[in-house]
N, C-alpha and C. Protein backbone atom coordinates (compact mmCIF):
# COMPACT_ATOMS: atom_id res chain seq x y z
N MET A 1 0.89 -1.22 -0.05
CA MET A 1 0.00 -0.04 -0.01
C MET A 1 0.89 1.14 -0.05
N PHE A 2 0.40 2.37 -0.54
CA PHE A 2 1.08 3.61 -0.52
C PHE A 2 0.09 4.72 -0.82
N ARG A 3 0.72 5.98 -0.66
CA ARG A 3 0.03 7.25 -0.99
C ARG A 3 0.89 7.92 -2.22
N LEU A 4 0.34 8.76 -2.79
CA LEU A 4 0.85 9.58 -3.79
C LEU A 4 1.45 10.81 -3.03
N LEU A 5 2.61 11.35 -3.58
CA LEU A 5 3.08 12.60 -3.17
C LEU A 5 2.00 13.57 -3.17
N SER A 6 2.10 14.67 -2.12
CA SER A 6 0.94 15.50 -1.93
C SER A 6 0.70 16.39 -3.28
N ASP A 7 1.78 16.66 -3.94
CA ASP A 7 1.49 17.62 -5.21
C ASP A 7 1.36 16.60 -6.50
N ALA A 8 1.18 15.31 -6.37
CA ALA A 8 1.15 14.53 -7.65
C ALA A 8 -0.21 14.64 -8.29
N ASP A 9 -0.11 14.53 -9.60
CA ASP A 9 -1.35 14.60 -10.51
C ASP A 9 -1.87 13.21 -10.65
N VAL A 10 -2.98 12.97 -10.09
CA VAL A 10 -3.61 11.49 -10.14
C VAL A 10 -3.63 11.03 -11.47
N HIS A 11 -4.14 11.69 -12.52
CA HIS A 11 -4.33 11.27 -13.77
C HIS A 11 -2.92 10.90 -14.46
N ALA A 12 -1.92 11.70 -14.12
CA ALA A 12 -0.57 11.57 -14.72
C ALA A 12 0.07 10.18 -14.10
N PHE A 13 -0.35 9.94 -12.78
CA PHE A 13 0.10 8.75 -12.07
C PHE A 13 -0.47 7.61 -12.81
N ILE A 14 -1.81 7.57 -12.99
CA ILE A 14 -2.43 6.51 -13.65
C ILE A 14 -1.87 6.11 -14.96
N GLU A 15 -1.60 7.13 -15.67
CA GLU A 15 -0.82 6.89 -17.07
C GLU A 15 0.50 6.48 -16.82
N ALA A 16 1.36 6.76 -15.75
CA ALA A 16 2.64 6.21 -15.49
C ALA A 16 2.40 4.80 -15.08
N ASP A 17 1.42 4.50 -14.31
CA ASP A 17 1.16 3.09 -13.88
C ASP A 17 0.99 2.37 -15.07
N ALA A 18 0.17 2.72 -15.95
CA ALA A 18 -0.23 1.90 -17.22
C ALA A 18 1.08 1.62 -17.98
N ARG A 19 1.84 2.60 -18.23
CA ARG A 19 3.13 2.51 -18.91
C ARG A 19 4.07 1.50 -18.28
N ALA A 20 4.20 1.61 -16.94
CA ALA A 20 5.06 0.66 -16.24
C ALA A 20 4.48 -0.73 -16.30
N GLN A 21 3.29 -0.95 -16.34
CA GLN A 21 2.57 -2.21 -16.35
C GLN A 21 2.95 -2.85 -17.57
N MET A 22 2.81 -2.02 -18.85
CA MET A 22 3.03 -2.55 -20.21
C MET A 22 4.54 -2.60 -20.51
N ASP A 23 5.20 -1.67 -20.19
CA ASP A 23 6.68 -1.64 -20.76
C ASP A 23 7.57 -2.37 -19.67
N PHE A 24 7.17 -2.36 -18.47
CA PHE A 24 8.22 -3.09 -17.57
C PHE A 24 7.64 -4.30 -17.03
N PHE A 25 6.56 -4.33 -16.19
CA PHE A 25 6.06 -5.40 -15.48
C PHE A 25 5.67 -6.56 -16.39
N TYR A 26 5.05 -6.30 -17.52
CA TYR A 26 4.50 -7.44 -18.28
C TYR A 26 5.69 -7.95 -19.06
N GLN A 27 6.77 -7.56 -19.02
CA GLN A 27 8.05 -8.01 -19.58
C GLN A 27 8.78 -8.88 -18.55
N GLN A 28 8.48 -9.01 -17.30
CA GLN A 28 9.24 -9.73 -16.42
C GLN A 28 8.72 -11.29 -16.40
N PRO A 29 9.78 -12.18 -16.32
CA PRO A 29 9.48 -13.55 -16.15
C PRO A 29 8.68 -13.81 -15.02
N GLY A 30 7.79 -14.72 -15.00
CA GLY A 30 7.04 -15.18 -13.97
C GLY A 30 5.82 -14.25 -13.46
N LEU A 31 5.56 -13.13 -14.20
CA LEU A 31 4.45 -12.32 -13.80
C LEU A 31 3.10 -13.01 -14.29
N ALA A 32 2.29 -13.26 -13.29
CA ALA A 32 0.99 -13.91 -13.47
C ALA A 32 -0.09 -12.94 -13.71
N ARG A 33 -0.12 -11.89 -12.82
CA ARG A 33 -1.09 -10.82 -12.89
C ARG A 33 -0.74 -9.66 -12.03
N ARG A 34 -1.01 -8.42 -12.43
CA ARG A 34 -0.83 -7.14 -11.82
C ARG A 34 -2.01 -6.14 -11.85
N THR A 35 -2.54 -5.57 -10.82
CA THR A 35 -3.66 -4.65 -10.86
C THR A 35 -3.42 -3.66 -9.87
N THR A 36 -3.85 -2.38 -10.16
CA THR A 36 -3.81 -1.37 -9.30
C THR A 36 -5.13 -0.90 -8.93
N SER A 37 -5.35 -0.63 -7.60
CA SER A 37 -6.58 -0.15 -7.16
C SER A 37 -6.26 0.96 -6.08
N ARG A 38 -7.51 1.69 -5.78
CA ARG A 38 -7.45 2.86 -4.87
C ARG A 38 -8.70 2.89 -4.00
N ASN A 39 -8.43 3.35 -2.71
CA ASN A 39 -9.40 3.69 -1.71
C ASN A 39 -9.15 4.94 -1.10
N GLY A 40 -9.80 6.09 -1.60
CA GLY A 40 -9.53 7.38 -1.26
C GLY A 40 -8.09 7.63 -1.68
N ASP A 41 -7.21 8.05 -0.51
CA ASP A 41 -5.87 8.42 -0.74
C ASP A 41 -5.00 7.15 -0.83
N ASP A 42 -5.38 5.96 -0.40
CA ASP A 42 -4.58 4.84 -0.29
C ASP A 42 -4.70 4.13 -1.71
N TRP A 43 -3.54 3.69 -2.12
CA TRP A 43 -3.37 2.80 -3.30
C TRP A 43 -2.76 1.54 -3.09
N LEU A 44 -3.04 0.61 -3.84
CA LEU A 44 -2.44 -0.87 -3.75
C LEU A 44 -2.25 -1.34 -5.08
N VAL A 45 -0.97 -1.87 -5.26
CA VAL A 45 -0.61 -2.77 -6.40
C VAL A 45 -0.61 -4.17 -5.89
N LEU A 46 -1.35 -5.02 -6.50
CA LEU A 46 -1.45 -6.41 -6.30
C LEU A 46 -0.70 -7.07 -7.49
N THR A 47 0.48 -7.80 -7.13
CA THR A 47 1.07 -8.42 -8.25
C THR A 47 1.45 -9.78 -7.94
N LEU A 48 0.88 -10.85 -8.71
CA LEU A 48 1.02 -12.24 -8.52
C LEU A 48 2.19 -12.67 -9.28
N TRP A 49 3.02 -13.46 -8.54
CA TRP A 49 4.30 -13.97 -9.35
C TRP A 49 4.22 -15.54 -9.32
N GLY A 50 4.99 -15.91 -10.29
CA GLY A 50 5.12 -17.54 -10.34
C GLY A 50 5.93 -18.09 -9.17
N SER A 51 6.98 -17.27 -8.68
CA SER A 51 7.78 -17.76 -7.54
C SER A 51 8.25 -16.47 -6.98
N GLU A 52 8.85 -16.67 -5.68
CA GLU A 52 9.52 -15.68 -4.89
C GLU A 52 10.79 -15.25 -5.75
N ALA A 53 11.52 -16.15 -6.43
CA ALA A 53 12.74 -15.71 -7.22
C ALA A 53 12.26 -14.66 -8.35
N ASP A 54 11.09 -14.97 -8.88
CA ASP A 54 10.64 -13.90 -9.95
C ASP A 54 10.32 -12.64 -9.29
N ALA A 55 9.76 -12.57 -8.20
CA ALA A 55 9.54 -11.30 -7.56
C ALA A 55 10.71 -10.60 -7.26
N ASP A 56 11.69 -11.39 -6.69
CA ASP A 56 13.08 -10.75 -6.33
C ASP A 56 13.77 -10.31 -7.53
N ALA A 57 13.70 -10.94 -8.72
CA ALA A 57 14.43 -10.53 -9.84
C ALA A 57 13.78 -9.33 -10.53
N CYS A 58 12.46 -9.13 -10.42
CA CYS A 58 11.75 -7.88 -10.80
C CYS A 58 12.27 -6.88 -9.88
N ALA A 59 12.35 -7.03 -8.65
CA ALA A 59 12.69 -5.88 -7.70
C ALA A 59 14.02 -5.36 -8.12
N ALA A 60 14.85 -6.35 -8.35
CA ALA A 60 16.40 -6.00 -8.71
C ALA A 60 16.39 -5.18 -10.11
N ALA A 61 15.43 -5.59 -11.02
CA ALA A 61 15.54 -5.00 -12.39
C ALA A 61 14.83 -3.57 -12.40
N SER A 62 14.02 -3.32 -11.51
CA SER A 62 13.21 -2.20 -11.36
C SER A 62 14.09 -0.99 -11.06
N SER A 63 15.24 -1.15 -10.51
CA SER A 63 15.99 0.06 -10.23
C SER A 63 16.76 0.63 -11.43
N SER A 64 16.69 -0.04 -12.65
CA SER A 64 17.38 0.59 -13.73
C SER A 64 16.39 0.67 -14.95
N ASP A 65 15.01 0.78 -14.57
CA ASP A 65 13.97 0.87 -15.76
C ASP A 65 13.36 2.20 -15.72
N GLY A 66 13.37 2.89 -16.84
CA GLY A 66 12.82 4.23 -16.80
C GLY A 66 11.31 4.20 -16.56
N ALA A 67 10.51 3.25 -17.27
CA ALA A 67 9.14 3.26 -17.04
C ALA A 67 8.74 3.08 -15.45
N TYR A 68 9.50 2.28 -14.81
CA TYR A 68 9.31 1.92 -13.43
C TYR A 68 9.69 3.18 -12.63
N GLU A 69 10.82 3.74 -13.00
CA GLU A 69 11.16 5.04 -12.20
C GLU A 69 10.23 6.07 -12.38
N ALA A 70 9.49 6.34 -13.57
CA ALA A 70 8.39 7.27 -13.75
C ALA A 70 7.32 6.94 -12.72
N PHE A 71 6.93 5.81 -12.65
CA PHE A 71 5.70 5.29 -11.95
C PHE A 71 6.05 5.75 -10.45
N GLU A 72 7.34 5.29 -10.01
CA GLU A 72 7.82 5.47 -8.65
C GLU A 72 7.98 6.92 -8.22
N SER A 73 8.10 7.97 -9.14
CA SER A 73 8.37 9.18 -8.92
C SER A 73 7.10 9.95 -8.27
N PHE A 74 5.98 9.26 -8.50
CA PHE A 74 4.73 9.77 -7.95
C PHE A 74 4.39 9.47 -6.56
N ILE A 75 5.10 8.45 -5.96
CA ILE A 75 4.78 7.90 -4.80
C ILE A 75 5.57 8.38 -3.62
N ASP A 76 4.81 8.65 -2.46
CA ASP A 76 5.44 9.14 -1.17
C ASP A 76 6.36 7.96 -0.59
N PRO A 77 7.65 8.07 -0.61
CA PRO A 77 8.39 6.80 -0.16
C PRO A 77 8.23 6.42 1.26
N THR A 78 7.69 7.47 2.03
CA THR A 78 7.51 7.22 3.47
C THR A 78 6.28 6.40 3.76
N SER A 79 5.31 6.33 2.80
CA SER A 79 3.99 5.75 2.81
C SER A 79 4.03 4.39 2.42
N VAL A 80 5.12 3.83 1.84
CA VAL A 80 5.18 2.48 1.21
C VAL A 80 5.21 1.44 2.19
N GLU A 81 4.36 0.39 2.02
CA GLU A 81 4.25 -0.71 2.81
C GLU A 81 4.18 -1.96 1.86
N VAL A 82 5.13 -2.77 1.95
CA VAL A 82 5.33 -3.90 1.07
C VAL A 82 5.13 -5.22 1.89
N LYS A 83 4.13 -5.94 1.40
CA LYS A 83 3.88 -7.14 2.06
C LYS A 83 3.90 -8.43 1.00
N ARG A 84 4.57 -9.47 1.37
CA ARG A 84 4.49 -10.61 0.47
C ARG A 84 3.79 -11.88 1.25
N TYR A 85 2.95 -12.47 0.42
CA TYR A 85 2.10 -13.50 0.87
C TYR A 85 2.42 -14.66 -0.09
N PHE A 86 2.34 -15.85 0.37
CA PHE A 86 2.73 -17.13 -0.31
C PHE A 86 1.61 -18.12 -0.15
N GLY A 87 1.41 -18.94 -1.16
CA GLY A 87 0.33 -19.98 -1.18
C GLY A 87 0.62 -21.00 -0.26
N LEU A 88 -0.48 -21.75 0.26
CA LEU A 88 -0.34 -22.74 1.27
C LEU A 88 -0.14 -24.10 0.41
N GLU A 89 0.74 -24.82 1.00
CA GLU A 89 1.33 -25.99 0.23
C GLU A 89 0.76 -27.24 1.04
N GLY A 90 0.36 -28.20 0.34
CA GLY A 90 -0.20 -29.41 1.02
C GLY A 90 -1.44 -29.48 1.82
């Protein structure tokens, strides 16, 4: 979950999110699904990966991708909360 910077243009963020999704995330191995949603000022990006290693590789690749950097530039870094959940086995 996260919030946008106080001066962020919401429409520009939505466009940057769509670009990051198509140009970066959908190019990552193991991506099963990604969706962005909003509840007031709170935003959530739910990303489903084939494996933890796929998620880790994407995180590493994001630091050098322009589309991802543009997406991230709208986000208040002090508001970011990342959680990982894994399926139940057996």
